Amino acid sequence: MFYADFIDLRTIVEKNWNTFEKVFKNKIRFFVVFDEVYQFKNTLNLGNSLTKSQEELLSGITADLKNSFTIFSNKNNNTNEYFIAINKVSDNLGTTWFSNN
């Protein structure tokens, strides 16, 4: 198993941008956000607390990243694999309905 330090993630994404572009879309925006999060990490590593506005910004950044992953993931999933399909319905009177599919 391999591990990477947080700052190494920047290098990994940069060297493999073609792969990550499908998720993050905008390279400049991603690296601006990444650098901001890195500054927050440094603040915490020095034993300082984040301000309320920094916490809220970090919360917004993580929500935005989650949305990016969700949108990317949903585009690659076939919804027919996750939702039930009703193919046949029968009642106690002998009436039966079959799906046209």
N, C-alpha and C. Protein backbone atom coordinates (compact mmCIF):
# COMPACT_ATOMS: atom_id res chain seq x y z
N MET A 1 0.85 -1.17 0.00
CA MET A 1 0.00 0.00 0.00
C MET A 1 0.90 1.23 0.00
N PHE A 2 0.48 2.26 -0.72
CA PHE A 2 1.25 3.49 -0.81
C PHE A 2 0.48 4.63 -0.16
N TYR A 3 1.20 5.56 0.39
CA TYR A 3 0.61 6.73 1.02
C TYR A 3 1.21 8.00 0.41
N ALA A 4 0.45 9.06 0.43
CA ALA A 4 0.94 10.34 -0.09
C ALA A 4 0.65 11.42 0.93
N ASP A 5 1.59 12.32 1.09
CA ASP A 5 1.37 13.49 1.92
C ASP A 5 0.39 14.40 1.18
N PHE A 6 -0.29 15.27 1.90
CA PHE A 6 -1.31 16.12 1.29
C PHE A 6 -0.75 16.91 0.10
N ILE A 7 0.43 17.50 0.25
CA ILE A 7 0.99 18.31 -0.83
C ILE A 7 1.34 17.45 -2.04
N ASP A 8 1.63 16.16 -1.82
CA ASP A 8 1.91 15.25 -2.94
C ASP A 8 0.68 15.06 -3.82
N LEU A 9 -0.50 15.22 -3.24
CA LEU A 9 -1.73 15.07 -4.03
C LEU A 9 -1.79 16.11 -5.14
N ARG A 10 -1.26 17.29 -4.85
CA ARG A 10 -1.23 18.35 -5.88
C ARG A 10 -0.41 17.89 -7.08
N THR A 11 0.75 17.33 -6.80
CA THR A 11 1.63 16.84 -7.88
C THR A 11 0.98 15.70 -8.64
N ILE A 12 0.34 14.80 -7.92
CA ILE A 12 -0.32 13.65 -8.56
C ILE A 12 -1.42 14.12 -9.50
N VAL A 13 -2.25 15.05 -9.02
CA VAL A 13 -3.34 15.56 -9.86
C VAL A 13 -2.77 16.32 -11.06
N GLU A 14 -1.75 17.12 -10.83
CA GLU A 14 -1.17 17.92 -11.91
C GLU A 14 -0.57 17.02 -13.00
N LYS A 15 0.16 15.99 -12.60
CA LYS A 15 0.78 15.10 -13.58
C LYS A 15 -0.23 14.22 -14.31
N ASN A 16 -1.39 14.02 -13.70
CA ASN A 16 -2.42 13.15 -14.29
C ASN A 16 -3.70 13.92 -14.55
N TRP A 17 -3.57 15.19 -14.90
CA TRP A 17 -4.75 16.04 -15.06
C TRP A 17 -5.76 15.46 -16.05
N ASN A 18 -5.30 14.83 -17.11
CA ASN A 18 -6.24 14.28 -18.10
C ASN A 18 -7.23 13.31 -17.46
N THR A 19 -6.78 12.58 -16.47
CA THR A 19 -7.66 11.65 -15.76
C THR A 19 -8.59 12.40 -14.82
N PHE A 20 -8.05 13.36 -14.09
CA PHE A 20 -8.84 14.08 -13.09
C PHE A 20 -9.76 15.13 -13.69
N GLU A 21 -9.49 15.56 -14.91
CA GLU A 21 -10.29 16.60 -15.54
C GLU A 21 -11.75 16.20 -15.65
N LYS A 22 -12.02 14.92 -15.81
CA LYS A 22 -13.40 14.44 -15.92
C LYS A 22 -14.21 14.74 -14.66
N VAL A 23 -13.52 14.83 -13.52
CA VAL A 23 -14.20 15.10 -12.26
C VAL A 23 -14.17 16.58 -11.92
N PHE A 24 -12.99 17.20 -12.01
CA PHE A 24 -12.81 18.57 -11.52
C PHE A 24 -13.07 19.66 -12.56
N LYS A 25 -13.06 19.31 -13.83
CA LYS A 25 -13.38 20.20 -14.95
C LYS A 25 -12.39 21.34 -15.17
N ASN A 26 -12.20 22.23 -14.21
CA ASN A 26 -11.41 23.44 -14.39
C ASN A 26 -10.10 23.34 -13.61
N LYS A 27 -8.99 23.24 -14.31
CA LYS A 27 -7.68 23.02 -13.69
C LYS A 27 -7.28 24.18 -12.79
N ILE A 28 -7.40 25.39 -13.28
CA ILE A 28 -6.98 26.55 -12.49
C ILE A 28 -7.80 26.66 -11.22
N ARG A 29 -9.11 26.49 -11.34
CA ARG A 29 -9.99 26.56 -10.17
C ARG A 29 -9.63 25.50 -9.15
N PHE A 30 -9.36 24.28 -9.62
CA PHE A 30 -9.02 23.20 -8.70
C PHE A 30 -7.76 23.56 -7.90
N PHE A 31 -6.73 24.05 -8.58
CA PHE A 31 -5.48 24.33 -7.87
C PHE A 31 -5.58 25.54 -6.95
N VAL A 32 -6.40 26.51 -7.29
CA VAL A 32 -6.64 27.64 -6.38
C VAL A 32 -7.30 27.12 -5.10
N VAL A 33 -8.31 26.29 -5.26
CA VAL A 33 -9.01 25.72 -4.11
C VAL A 33 -8.07 24.82 -3.31
N PHE A 34 -7.29 23.99 -4.01
CA PHE A 34 -6.35 23.10 -3.32
C PHE A 34 -5.37 23.91 -2.47
N ASP A 35 -4.82 24.97 -3.04
CA ASP A 35 -3.86 25.79 -2.31
C ASP A 35 -4.50 26.44 -1.09
N GLU A 36 -5.76 26.83 -1.21
CA GLU A 36 -6.47 27.41 -0.07
C GLU A 36 -6.62 26.38 1.05
N VAL A 37 -7.01 25.17 0.69
CA VAL A 37 -7.15 24.10 1.69
C VAL A 37 -5.79 23.79 2.32
N TYR A 38 -4.74 23.83 1.52
CA TYR A 38 -3.40 23.58 2.05
C TYR A 38 -3.02 24.63 3.10
N GLN A 39 -3.40 25.87 2.86
CA GLN A 39 -3.14 26.93 3.84
C GLN A 39 -3.90 26.67 5.15
N PHE A 40 -5.15 26.19 5.02
CA PHE A 40 -5.92 25.84 6.21
C PHE A 40 -5.23 24.73 6.98
N LYS A 41 -4.70 23.75 6.26
CA LYS A 41 -4.00 22.64 6.88
C LYS A 41 -2.78 23.15 7.63
N ASN A 42 -2.04 24.05 7.02
CA ASN A 42 -0.86 24.63 7.69
C ASN A 42 -1.25 25.39 8.96
N THR A 43 -2.35 26.11 8.90
CA THR A 43 -2.83 26.84 10.07
C THR A 43 -3.11 25.88 11.22
N LEU A 44 -3.78 24.78 10.91
CA LEU A 44 -4.10 23.79 11.94
C LEU A 44 -2.84 23.08 12.44
N ASN A 45 -1.89 22.81 11.54
CA ASN A 45 -0.64 22.16 11.94
C ASN A 45 0.17 23.02 12.90
N LEU A 46 0.02 24.33 12.81
CA LEU A 46 0.74 25.24 13.71
C LEU A 46 0.03 25.40 15.06
N GLY A 47 -1.09 24.68 15.21
CA GLY A 47 -1.82 24.73 16.47
C GLY A 47 -2.81 25.86 16.55
N ASN A 48 -3.04 26.56 15.46
CA ASN A 48 -4.02 27.66 15.44
C ASN A 48 -5.38 27.14 15.00
N SER A 49 -6.40 27.84 15.37
CA SER A 49 -7.75 27.49 14.96
C SER A 49 -8.13 28.26 13.70
N LEU A 50 -9.04 27.69 12.94
CA LEU A 50 -9.57 28.41 11.79
C LEU A 50 -10.61 29.42 12.26
N THR A 51 -10.72 30.52 11.55
CA THR A 51 -11.76 31.49 11.85
C THR A 51 -13.09 30.93 11.34
N LYS A 52 -14.16 31.53 11.77
CA LYS A 52 -15.50 31.09 11.34
C LYS A 52 -15.62 31.15 9.82
N SER A 53 -15.11 32.21 9.21
CA SER A 53 -15.22 32.34 7.75
C SER A 53 -14.37 31.28 7.04
N GLN A 54 -13.22 30.92 7.62
CA GLN A 54 -12.39 29.86 7.04
C GLN A 54 -13.09 28.51 7.13
N GLU A 55 -13.72 28.26 8.27
CA GLU A 55 -14.48 27.01 8.44
C GLU A 55 -15.62 26.92 7.42
N GLU A 56 -16.32 28.02 7.22
CA GLU A 56 -17.42 28.03 6.28
C GLU A 56 -16.92 27.86 4.84
N LEU A 57 -15.81 28.50 4.53
CA LEU A 57 -15.22 28.34 3.20
C LEU A 57 -14.79 26.89 2.98
N LEU A 58 -14.17 26.29 3.97
CA LEU A 58 -13.75 24.89 3.88
C LEU A 58 -14.96 23.97 3.72
N SER A 59 -16.03 24.27 4.43
CA SER A 59 -17.26 23.49 4.31
C SER A 59 -17.82 23.59 2.89
N GLY A 60 -17.79 24.80 2.32
CA GLY A 60 -18.26 24.98 0.95
C GLY A 60 -17.38 24.26 -0.06
N ILE A 61 -16.08 24.29 0.16
CA ILE A 61 -15.15 23.59 -0.74
C ILE A 61 -15.41 22.10 -0.72
N THR A 62 -15.56 21.53 0.48
CA THR A 62 -15.79 20.08 0.56
C THR A 62 -17.14 19.70 -0.06
N ALA A 63 -18.15 20.53 0.13
CA ALA A 63 -19.46 20.26 -0.49
C ALA A 63 -19.35 20.30 -2.01
N ASP A 64 -18.58 21.27 -2.52
CA ASP A 64 -18.39 21.39 -3.97
C ASP A 64 -17.66 20.16 -4.52
N LEU A 65 -16.63 19.69 -3.80
CA LEU A 65 -15.91 18.49 -4.24
C LEU A 65 -16.81 17.26 -4.23
N LYS A 66 -17.62 17.13 -3.18
CA LYS A 66 -18.57 16.02 -3.12
C LYS A 66 -19.53 16.06 -4.31
N ASN A 67 -20.01 17.25 -4.63
CA ASN A 67 -20.91 17.39 -5.78
C ASN A 67 -20.22 16.99 -7.07
N SER A 68 -18.96 17.38 -7.23
CA SER A 68 -18.21 17.01 -8.44
C SER A 68 -18.10 15.50 -8.57
N PHE A 69 -17.77 14.84 -7.46
CA PHE A 69 -17.66 13.38 -7.47
C PHE A 69 -19.01 12.74 -7.77
N THR A 70 -20.07 13.27 -7.17
CA THR A 70 -21.41 12.71 -7.36
C THR A 70 -21.85 12.85 -8.81
N ILE A 71 -21.66 14.01 -9.39
CA ILE A 71 -22.04 14.24 -10.79
C ILE A 71 -21.25 13.32 -11.70
N PHE A 72 -19.94 13.21 -11.47
CA PHE A 72 -19.11 12.32 -12.28
C PHE A 72 -19.57 10.87 -12.14
N SER A 73 -19.81 10.45 -10.91
CA SER A 73 -20.23 9.08 -10.65
C SER A 73 -21.58 8.77 -11.29
N ASN A 74 -22.52 9.70 -11.18
CA ASN A 74 -23.86 9.47 -11.73
C ASN A 74 -23.84 9.37 -13.26
N LYS A 75 -22.95 10.09 -13.90
CA LYS A 75 -22.86 10.02 -15.36
C LYS A 75 -22.36 8.66 -15.83
N ASN A 76 -21.64 7.97 -14.96
CA ASN A 76 -21.05 6.69 -15.33
C ASN A 76 -21.85 5.49 -14.84
N ASN A 77 -22.94 5.74 -14.15
CA ASN A 77 -23.76 4.63 -13.64
C ASN A 77 -25.02 4.48 -14.48
N ASN A 78 -25.42 3.26 -14.67
CA ASN A 78 -26.65 2.96 -15.37
C ASN A 78 -27.76 2.88 -14.34
N THR A 79 -28.73 3.78 -14.41
CA THR A 79 -29.79 3.81 -13.40
C THR A 79 -30.61 2.53 -13.40
N ASN A 80 -30.63 1.80 -14.49
CA ASN A 80 -31.38 0.55 -14.52
C ASN A 80 -30.78 -0.50 -13.58
N GLU A 81 -29.53 -0.32 -13.20
CA GLU A 81 -28.89 -1.25 -12.29
C GLU A 81 -29.26 -0.98 -10.83
N TYR A 82 -29.85 0.17 -10.52
CA TYR A 82 -30.08 0.56 -9.14
C TYR A 82 -31.55 0.65 -8.75
N PHE A 83 -32.45 0.71 -9.71
CA PHE A 83 -33.86 0.85 -9.40
C PHE A 83 -34.61 -0.38 -9.85
N ILE A 84 -35.63 -0.72 -9.08
CA ILE A 84 -36.40 -1.90 -9.44
C ILE A 84 -37.19 -1.65 -10.72
N ALA A 85 -37.46 -2.72 -11.43
CA ALA A 85 -38.29 -2.66 -12.63
C ALA A 85 -39.45 -3.62 -12.42
N ILE A 86 -40.65 -3.13 -12.62
CA ILE A 86 -41.83 -3.99 -12.49
C ILE A 86 -42.12 -4.57 -13.86
N ASN A 87 -41.98 -5.86 -13.98
CA ASN A 87 -42.18 -6.55 -15.26
C ASN A 87 -43.53 -7.22 -15.36
N LYS A 88 -44.13 -7.56 -14.22
CA LYS A 88 -45.40 -8.28 -14.23
C LYS A 88 -46.16 -7.96 -12.94
N VAL A 89 -47.46 -7.68 -13.09
CA VAL A 89 -48.33 -7.45 -11.94
C VAL A 89 -49.54 -8.35 -12.08
N SER A 90 -49.85 -9.06 -11.00
CA SER A 90 -51.03 -9.95 -11.00
C SER A 90 -51.87 -9.67 -9.77
N ASP A 91 -53.20 -9.82 -9.91
CA ASP A 91 -54.07 -9.68 -8.74
C ASP A 91 -54.76 -11.00 -8.47
N ASN A 92 -55.57 -11.05 -7.38
CA ASN A 92 -56.22 -12.30 -6.99
C ASN A 92 -57.42 -12.64 -7.86
N LEU A 93 -57.77 -11.79 -8.82
CA LEU A 93 -58.87 -12.06 -9.73
C LEU A 93 -58.37 -12.66 -11.06
N GLY A 94 -57.08 -12.83 -11.17
CA GLY A 94 -56.49 -13.42 -12.37
C GLY A 94 -56.07 -12.39 -13.43
N THR A 95 -56.19 -11.12 -13.09
CA THR A 95 -55.75 -10.07 -14.03
C THR A 95 -54.24 -9.97 -13.96
N THR A 96 -53.61 -9.95 -15.13
CA THR A 96 -52.16 -9.84 -15.17
C THR A 96 -51.76 -8.74 -16.15
N TRP A 97 -50.80 -7.98 -15.75
CA TRP A 97 -50.24 -6.94 -16.60
C TRP A 97 -48.76 -7.23 -16.79
N PHE A 98 -48.29 -7.16 -18.03
CA PHE A 98 -46.88 -7.34 -18.36
C PHE A 98 -46.31 -6.03 -18.88
N SER A 99 -45.09 -5.78 -18.51
CA SER A 99 -44.40 -4.59 -19.00
C SER A 99 -44.12 -4.74 -20.48
N ASN A 100 -44.17 -3.64 -21.23
CA ASN A 100 -43.86 -3.68 -22.66
C ASN A 100 -42.38 -3.85 -22.91
N ASN A 101 -41.57 -3.62 -21.88
CA ASN A 101 -40.12 -3.72 -22.03
C ASN A 101 -39.76 -5.17 -22.00
